[in-house]
Amino acid sequence: MPKRRATISDVARLAGVSIATVSRVVNGTAPVAEDTVQRVREAIATLGYTPHAAARKLAGRETGTLGVLLPEVAAEFFFPLVRGIAEEVRNAGYDLLIHVASSGQESSLSTPLGEHNTDGLLIFTGRLSDEEITRLYDAGFPMVLLYRSPPDDLPIPYVMFENKKGARALIAHVISVHHCRRIAFLRGPEGNEDSEWRERGYREALENHGIPFDEDLVGMGGFDADIARETVEHWLQQGLDFDAIFAGDDEAAMGVMAALRHAGKKVPDEVAVLGFDDINSAKLMAPPLTTVRAPIQAAAAGAAQALLAQLKGEEPPRQLRYPTQVIIRQSCGCD
């Protein structure tokens, strides 16, 4: 069970003052003796007290701003994601504050966005530590997680794609239709749940068709074109045998095609290439990319709606899981 959120009464009791005094300190509505202010602040810190959204509104402390924590914005995946969030937030009358993690920053114990400058957060996978997410939850702060499940089964709303189902269907296609047997897979960033579920789908498809899993055919793609290219170039130098590569996502698929093209390998005649997400440039690749369509913008809009529901005092769905669809193009060998 989640911890009970501290109340203003708890703060007043611990500090040995009245509720009215705590309110004056929190809202700055009247002068309070410095030693009393110090006791109240220490009680607030000890209890992890955060004013309830409704109380903040009555006190004029709402920011009118929602926050988004992202790992980057350069990859094409993030364009529809930000667009989907921004449209919902704007239509609801809020401003949007976006923080992009610095290069190499995996997660942090704190964040420049939080209860001090936003009314709620949308948190992309891996951008905030479990400890900080738990702290925000215990403080009663509204948030929605993007593409990851909550730590410790906390009842925090989160958004996911049908990753396993889509990956399984994609791999089944190249096995059944194109008779591929040596299918390589490029993992996404370490700890990324989308990648983990896609790998499960990949493994299930192999098992369903009686193909043994080969660890040598699994490498790092990082959902990044440069990382994927380096991995495939290394495989080619080693003489690794494969007839298809599931790149993990479309960004990585670009790097895969570049590595194969540089080595003189023809796609799809010699190696089939598969992606995931169906970003806009997937259909413009040469050859056009066979991939799995994930409704990125719709999922982002759904996440924003779940956050806005919390701000209205409503109970959003615990999990928003969006369906995926295999999109057949020429990179797998289809005409």
Protein backbone atom coordinates (compact mmCIF):
# COMPACT_ATOMS: atom_id res chain seq x y z
CA MET A 1 0.00 0.00 0.00
CA PRO A 2 1.28 3.53 -0.73
CA LYS A 3 2.25 5.68 2.20
CA ARG A 4 -0.34 8.12 3.49
CA ARG A 5 0.44 11.58 2.18
CA ALA A 6 1.40 14.01 4.94
CA THR A 7 -1.19 16.68 5.68
CA ILE A 8 -0.91 20.25 6.88
CA SER A 9 -2.18 19.01 10.24
CA ASP A 10 0.77 16.60 10.47
CA VAL A 11 3.18 19.47 9.79
CA ALA A 12 1.50 21.68 12.39
CA ARG A 13 1.62 18.93 15.00
CA LEU A 14 5.30 18.14 14.40
CA ALA A 15 6.32 21.81 14.37
CA GLY A 16 4.20 22.60 17.44
CA VAL A 17 2.28 25.41 15.72
CA SER A 18 -1.23 26.00 14.41
CA ILE A 19 -2.46 25.00 10.96
CA ALA A 20 -2.90 28.69 10.20
CA THR A 21 0.79 29.29 10.93
CA VAL A 22 1.84 26.48 8.58
CA SER A 23 -0.40 27.95 5.91
CA ARG A 24 1.22 31.37 6.34
CA VAL A 25 4.68 29.86 5.98
CA VAL A 26 3.77 27.75 2.95
CA ASN A 27 1.84 30.46 1.12
CA GLY A 28 3.75 33.50 2.32
CA THR A 29 0.51 35.30 3.15
CA ALA A 30 1.67 36.89 6.44
CA PRO A 31 4.90 37.45 8.39
CA VAL A 32 6.03 34.67 10.75
CA ALA A 33 8.88 34.67 13.27
CA GLU A 34 12.10 33.27 11.81
CA ASP A 35 12.49 30.49 14.40
CA THR A 36 8.90 29.41 13.73
CA VAL A 37 9.52 29.43 9.99
CA GLN A 38 12.55 27.22 10.55
CA ARG A 39 10.56 24.69 12.63
CA VAL A 40 7.81 24.54 10.03
CA ARG A 41 10.29 24.06 7.19
CA GLU A 42 12.07 21.29 9.09
CA ALA A 43 8.72 19.55 9.70
CA ILE A 44 7.83 19.87 6.01
CA ALA A 45 11.18 18.35 5.01
CA THR A 46 10.87 15.53 7.55
CA LEU A 47 7.35 14.60 6.45
CA GLY A 48 7.86 15.21 2.73
CA TYR A 49 4.77 17.40 2.77
CA THR A 50 3.51 18.89 -0.50
CA PRO A 51 0.32 20.98 -0.65
CA HIS A 52 -2.52 19.14 -2.38
CA ALA A 53 -3.29 20.38 -5.89
CA ALA A 54 -6.67 21.72 -4.80
CA ALA A 55 -5.08 23.57 -1.87
CA ARG A 56 -2.42 25.00 -4.13
CA LYS A 57 -5.12 26.28 -6.46
CA LEU A 58 -7.01 27.97 -3.63
CA ALA A 59 -3.78 29.54 -2.45
CA GLY A 60 -2.89 30.66 -5.96
CA ARG A 61 0.13 28.34 -6.03
CA GLU A 62 -0.67 26.41 -9.22
CA THR A 63 1.92 26.98 -11.91
CA GLY A 64 -0.32 26.41 -14.93
CA THR A 65 2.56 24.39 -16.35
CA LEU A 66 3.11 20.69 -17.03
CA GLY A 67 6.55 19.15 -17.41
CA VAL A 68 8.07 16.52 -19.70
CA LEU A 69 11.37 14.75 -19.00
CA LEU A 70 13.04 13.43 -22.18
CA PRO A 71 16.39 11.80 -22.97
CA GLU A 72 16.80 13.74 -26.25
CA VAL A 73 14.77 15.39 -28.97
CA ALA A 74 17.00 14.80 -32.01
CA ALA A 75 15.70 11.34 -32.95
CA GLU A 76 12.69 11.37 -35.24
CA PHE A 77 10.69 9.29 -32.73
CA PHE A 78 10.38 12.34 -30.46
CA PHE A 79 8.73 14.68 -32.98
CA PRO A 80 5.27 13.06 -32.89
CA LEU A 81 5.68 12.36 -29.18
CA VAL A 82 6.16 16.03 -28.30
CA ARG A 83 3.46 17.07 -30.77
CA GLY A 84 0.92 14.70 -29.22
CA ILE A 85 1.64 15.98 -25.72
CA ALA A 86 1.79 19.66 -26.69
CA GLU A 87 -1.59 19.64 -28.42
CA GLU A 88 -3.39 18.13 -25.43
CA VAL A 89 -1.65 20.39 -22.94
CA ARG A 90 -2.32 23.53 -24.97
CA ASN A 91 -5.98 22.63 -25.46
CA ALA A 92 -6.31 22.23 -21.69
CA GLY A 93 -4.91 25.72 -21.11
CA TYR A 94 -1.52 24.70 -19.69
CA ASP A 95 2.00 25.65 -20.72
CA LEU A 96 4.54 22.89 -21.41
CA LEU A 97 8.03 22.81 -19.93
CA ILE A 98 10.44 20.29 -21.48
CA HIS A 99 13.69 19.19 -19.90
CA VAL A 100 16.15 17.19 -22.01
CA ALA A 101 18.74 15.15 -20.11
CA SER A 102 22.36 16.05 -20.75
CA SER A 103 24.51 13.69 -22.79
CA GLY A 104 25.35 10.53 -20.87
CA GLN A 105 22.88 11.28 -18.06
CA GLU A 106 21.03 8.03 -17.42
CA SER A 107 18.88 9.01 -14.48
CA SER A 108 19.14 11.36 -11.56
CA LEU A 109 18.08 11.43 -7.96
CA SER A 110 16.40 14.78 -8.52
CA THR A 111 15.06 16.77 -11.42
CA PRO A 112 14.87 20.42 -12.43
CA LEU A 113 11.18 19.78 -13.00
CA GLY A 114 8.88 18.83 -10.13
CA GLU A 115 6.37 20.11 -7.63
CA HIS A 116 8.26 23.39 -7.28
CA ASN A 117 7.66 24.53 -10.87
CA THR A 118 5.04 22.27 -12.50
CA ASP A 119 1.62 20.87 -11.65
CA GLY A 120 2.43 17.41 -13.01
CA LEU A 121 5.06 15.45 -14.96
CA LEU A 122 5.29 13.13 -17.96
CA ILE A 123 8.43 11.05 -17.44
CA PHE A 124 10.13 9.25 -20.32
CA THR A 125 11.72 5.90 -19.55
CA GLY A 126 15.05 6.09 -17.76
CA ARG A 127 15.03 9.85 -17.20
CA LEU A 128 14.39 9.73 -13.47
CA SER A 129 15.48 7.33 -10.75
CA ASP A 130 13.02 4.98 -9.07
CA GLU A 131 13.79 6.73 -5.78
CA GLU A 132 12.72 10.12 -7.11
CA ILE A 133 9.61 8.69 -8.78
CA THR A 134 8.66 7.07 -5.47
CA ARG A 135 9.27 10.32 -3.60
CA LEU A 136 7.03 12.24 -5.99
CA TYR A 137 4.33 9.59 -5.69
CA ASP A 138 4.48 9.60 -1.89
CA ALA A 139 4.12 13.39 -2.01
CA GLY A 140 0.93 13.00 -4.03
CA PHE A 141 2.41 14.66 -7.13
CA PRO A 142 0.56 13.85 -10.41
CA MET A 143 2.63 12.05 -13.03
CA VAL A 144 2.47 9.57 -15.91
CA LEU A 145 5.32 7.32 -17.06
CA LEU A 146 6.12 6.96 -20.75
CA TYR A 147 7.17 3.50 -22.00
CA ARG A 148 8.06 2.03 -18.64
CA SER A 149 6.15 0.43 -15.78
CA PRO A 150 6.19 2.01 -12.31
CA PRO A 151 8.74 0.95 -9.68
CA ASP A 152 7.58 -1.35 -6.90
CA ASP A 153 4.14 -1.75 -8.54
CA LEU A 154 3.12 1.74 -7.49
CA PRO A 155 -0.28 2.62 -9.01
CA ILE A 156 1.15 5.30 -11.30
CA PRO A 157 -0.44 5.50 -14.79
CA TYR A 158 1.88 4.48 -17.61
CA VAL A 159 1.86 4.19 -21.39
CA MET A 160 3.22 1.25 -23.41
CA PHE A 161 3.01 -0.22 -26.92
CA GLU A 162 2.15 -3.84 -27.78
CA ASN A 163 5.86 -4.44 -28.32
CA LYS A 164 5.99 -8.21 -27.94
CA LYS A 165 3.03 -8.90 -30.18
CA GLY A 166 4.30 -6.61 -32.93
CA ALA A 167 7.85 -8.01 -32.84
CA ARG A 168 6.61 -11.60 -32.82
CA ALA A 169 4.44 -10.99 -35.90
CA LEU A 170 7.28 -9.20 -37.69
CA ILE A 171 9.77 -12.02 -37.16
CA ALA A 172 7.14 -14.63 -38.03
CA HIS A 173 6.69 -12.88 -41.39
CA VAL A 174 10.34 -13.12 -42.45
CA ILE A 175 10.49 -16.73 -41.27
CA SER A 176 7.28 -17.90 -42.93
CA VAL A 177 7.29 -15.81 -46.09
CA HIS A 178 11.01 -15.28 -46.76
CA HIS A 179 12.36 -18.43 -45.08
CA CYS A 180 14.94 -16.57 -43.00
CA ARG A 181 16.62 -18.67 -40.31
CA ARG A 182 19.63 -16.63 -39.16
CA ILE A 183 17.86 -13.53 -37.83
CA ALA A 184 19.97 -11.08 -35.84
CA PHE A 185 18.51 -8.71 -33.25
CA LEU A 186 19.81 -5.34 -32.04
CA ARG A 187 18.84 -4.44 -28.47
CA GLY A 188 17.82 -0.95 -27.43
CA PRO A 189 19.37 0.98 -24.52
CA GLU A 190 20.07 -1.06 -21.40
CA GLY A 191 17.02 -1.25 -19.13
CA ASN A 192 14.64 -0.05 -21.84
CA GLU A 193 11.35 -1.93 -21.44
CA ASP A 194 10.31 -1.46 -25.08
CA SER A 195 13.48 -3.25 -26.14
CA GLU A 196 13.01 -6.01 -23.57
CA TRP A 197 9.48 -6.75 -24.79
CA ARG A 198 10.58 -6.64 -28.44
CA GLU A 199 13.28 -9.17 -27.66
CA ARG A 200 10.70 -11.42 -26.02
CA GLY A 201 8.61 -11.26 -29.17
CA TYR A 202 11.68 -12.03 -31.29
CA ARG A 203 12.54 -15.05 -29.13
CA GLU A 204 8.96 -16.33 -29.09
CA ALA A 205 8.78 -16.17 -32.89
CA LEU A 206 11.99 -18.17 -33.18
CA GLU A 207 10.72 -20.75 -30.70
CA ASN A 208 7.34 -21.02 -32.42
CA HIS A 209 9.11 -21.89 -35.66
CA GLY A 210 11.62 -24.31 -34.16
CA ILE A 211 14.64 -22.03 -34.59
CA PRO A 212 17.15 -22.17 -31.71
CA PHE A 213 18.05 -18.85 -30.10
CA ASP A 214 21.67 -17.86 -30.80
CA GLU A 215 23.25 -15.29 -28.47
CA ASP A 216 25.89 -14.54 -31.13
CA LEU A 217 23.10 -13.02 -33.24
CA VAL A 218 22.20 -10.44 -30.58
CA GLY A 219 24.04 -7.14 -30.28
CA MET A 220 23.64 -3.55 -29.17
CA GLY A 221 21.75 -1.13 -31.39
CA GLY A 222 20.82 1.40 -28.74
CA PHE A 223 17.90 2.70 -30.83
CA ASP A 224 20.67 4.73 -32.49
CA ALA A 225 21.88 4.70 -36.11
CA ASP A 226 25.58 5.10 -35.27
CA ILE A 227 25.61 2.39 -32.60
CA ALA A 228 23.71 -0.01 -34.87
CA ARG A 229 26.07 0.66 -37.76
CA GLU A 230 29.14 -0.05 -35.61
CA THR A 231 27.65 -3.34 -34.37
CA VAL A 232 26.80 -4.58 -37.86
CA GLU A 233 30.20 -3.55 -39.20
CA HIS A 234 31.81 -5.57 -36.38
CA TRP A 235 29.63 -8.58 -37.22
CA LEU A 236 30.63 -8.36 -40.88
CA GLN A 237 34.32 -8.15 -39.98
CA GLN A 238 33.88 -11.26 -37.83
CA GLY A 239 32.23 -13.09 -40.71
CA LEU A 240 29.00 -13.63 -38.75
CA ASP A 241 26.38 -15.33 -40.89
CA PHE A 242 22.86 -13.83 -40.94
CA ASP A 243 20.08 -13.46 -43.49
CA ALA A 244 17.97 -10.86 -41.66
CA ILE A 245 18.48 -8.15 -39.03
CA PHE A 246 15.73 -6.91 -36.72
CA ALA A 247 17.17 -3.52 -35.82
CA GLY A 248 15.00 -2.94 -32.75
CA ASP A 249 13.72 0.41 -34.01
CA ASP A 250 13.72 2.45 -37.22
CA GLU A 251 16.57 4.76 -36.19
CA ALA A 252 18.84 1.75 -35.73
CA ALA A 253 17.60 0.31 -39.04
CA MET A 254 19.11 3.34 -40.81
CA GLY A 255 22.51 2.44 -39.38
CA VAL A 256 22.05 -1.22 -40.32
CA MET A 257 21.34 -0.31 -43.95
CA ALA A 258 24.33 2.03 -44.04
CA ALA A 259 26.67 -0.71 -42.76
CA LEU A 260 25.34 -3.28 -45.21
CA ARG A 261 25.52 -0.84 -48.12
CA HIS A 262 29.13 0.06 -47.23
CA ALA A 263 30.02 -3.66 -47.20
CA GLY A 264 28.41 -4.23 -50.59
CA LYS A 265 25.55 -6.30 -49.15
CA LYS A 266 22.25 -5.96 -51.00
CA VAL A 267 19.02 -5.34 -49.07
CA PRO A 268 16.86 -7.40 -49.21
CA ASP A 269 18.49 -9.81 -51.70
CA GLU A 270 21.24 -10.82 -49.27
CA VAL A 271 19.99 -9.49 -45.95
CA ALA A 272 16.46 -8.48 -44.94
CA VAL A 273 16.22 -5.46 -42.62
CA LEU A 274 13.38 -4.86 -40.15
CA GLY A 275 12.56 -1.90 -37.89
CA PHE A 276 10.00 -0.84 -35.31
CA ASP A 277 7.97 2.39 -34.82
CA ASP A 278 7.26 3.36 -38.47
CA ILE A 279 8.67 6.88 -38.22
CA ASN A 280 8.01 9.10 -41.25
CA SER A 281 11.37 8.39 -42.88
CA ALA A 282 10.84 4.60 -42.79
CA LYS A 283 8.96 4.66 -46.08
CA LEU A 284 11.65 6.88 -47.62
CA MET A 285 14.58 4.56 -46.92
CA ALA A 286 16.19 2.71 -49.81
CA PRO A 287 14.63 0.21 -49.94
CA PRO A 288 11.52 1.28 -47.95
CA LEU A 289 11.60 -0.28 -44.50
CA THR A 290 9.41 -3.15 -43.31
CA THR A 291 8.59 -2.26 -39.73
CA VAL A 292 6.00 -2.25 -36.97
CA ARG A 293 3.78 0.80 -36.70
CA ALA A 294 3.55 2.16 -33.16
CA PRO A 295 1.03 5.01 -32.64
CA ILE A 296 3.57 7.40 -31.10
CA GLN A 297 1.50 10.57 -31.26
CA ALA A 298 -1.70 8.89 -30.06
CA ALA A 299 0.13 7.30 -27.11
CA ALA A 300 1.68 10.64 -26.16
CA ALA A 301 -1.72 12.32 -26.31
CA GLY A 302 -3.16 9.55 -24.15
CA ALA A 303 -0.42 10.08 -21.58
CA ALA A 304 -1.16 13.80 -21.47
CA GLN A 305 -4.88 13.09 -21.05
CA ALA A 306 -4.13 10.76 -18.13
CA LEU A 307 -2.09 13.49 -16.44
CA LEU A 308 -4.79 16.09 -17.01
CA ALA A 309 -7.38 13.71 -15.54
CA GLN A 310 -5.37 13.52 -12.32
CA LEU A 311 -5.28 17.31 -12.12
CA LYS A 312 -9.08 17.30 -12.34
CA GLY A 313 -9.27 14.85 -9.45
CA GLU A 314 -10.24 11.95 -11.73
CA GLU A 315 -8.81 8.42 -11.71
CA PRO A 316 -7.13 7.64 -15.07
CA PRO A 317 -6.52 4.08 -16.30
CA ARG A 318 -3.55 2.43 -14.60
CA GLN A 319 -2.14 1.24 -17.91
CA LEU A 320 -2.58 2.59 -21.42
CA ARG A 321 -1.38 -0.06 -23.89
CA TYR A 322 -1.52 0.84 -27.58
CA PRO A 323 -1.78 -1.74 -30.39
CA THR A 324 0.89 -2.14 -33.06
CA GLN A 325 0.68 -3.18 -36.72
CA VAL A 326 3.21 -4.83 -39.04
CA ILE A 327 3.85 -2.64 -42.11
CA ILE A 328 5.21 -4.61 -45.06
CA ARG A 329 7.55 -2.82 -47.46
CA GLN A 330 10.49 -3.85 -49.65
CA SER A 331 13.33 -4.21 -47.11
CA CYS A 332 12.15 -7.67 -46.08
CA GLY A 333 11.94 -8.98 -49.64
CA CYS A 334 8.31 -8.24 -50.43
CA ASP A 335 7.48 -6.39 -53.65
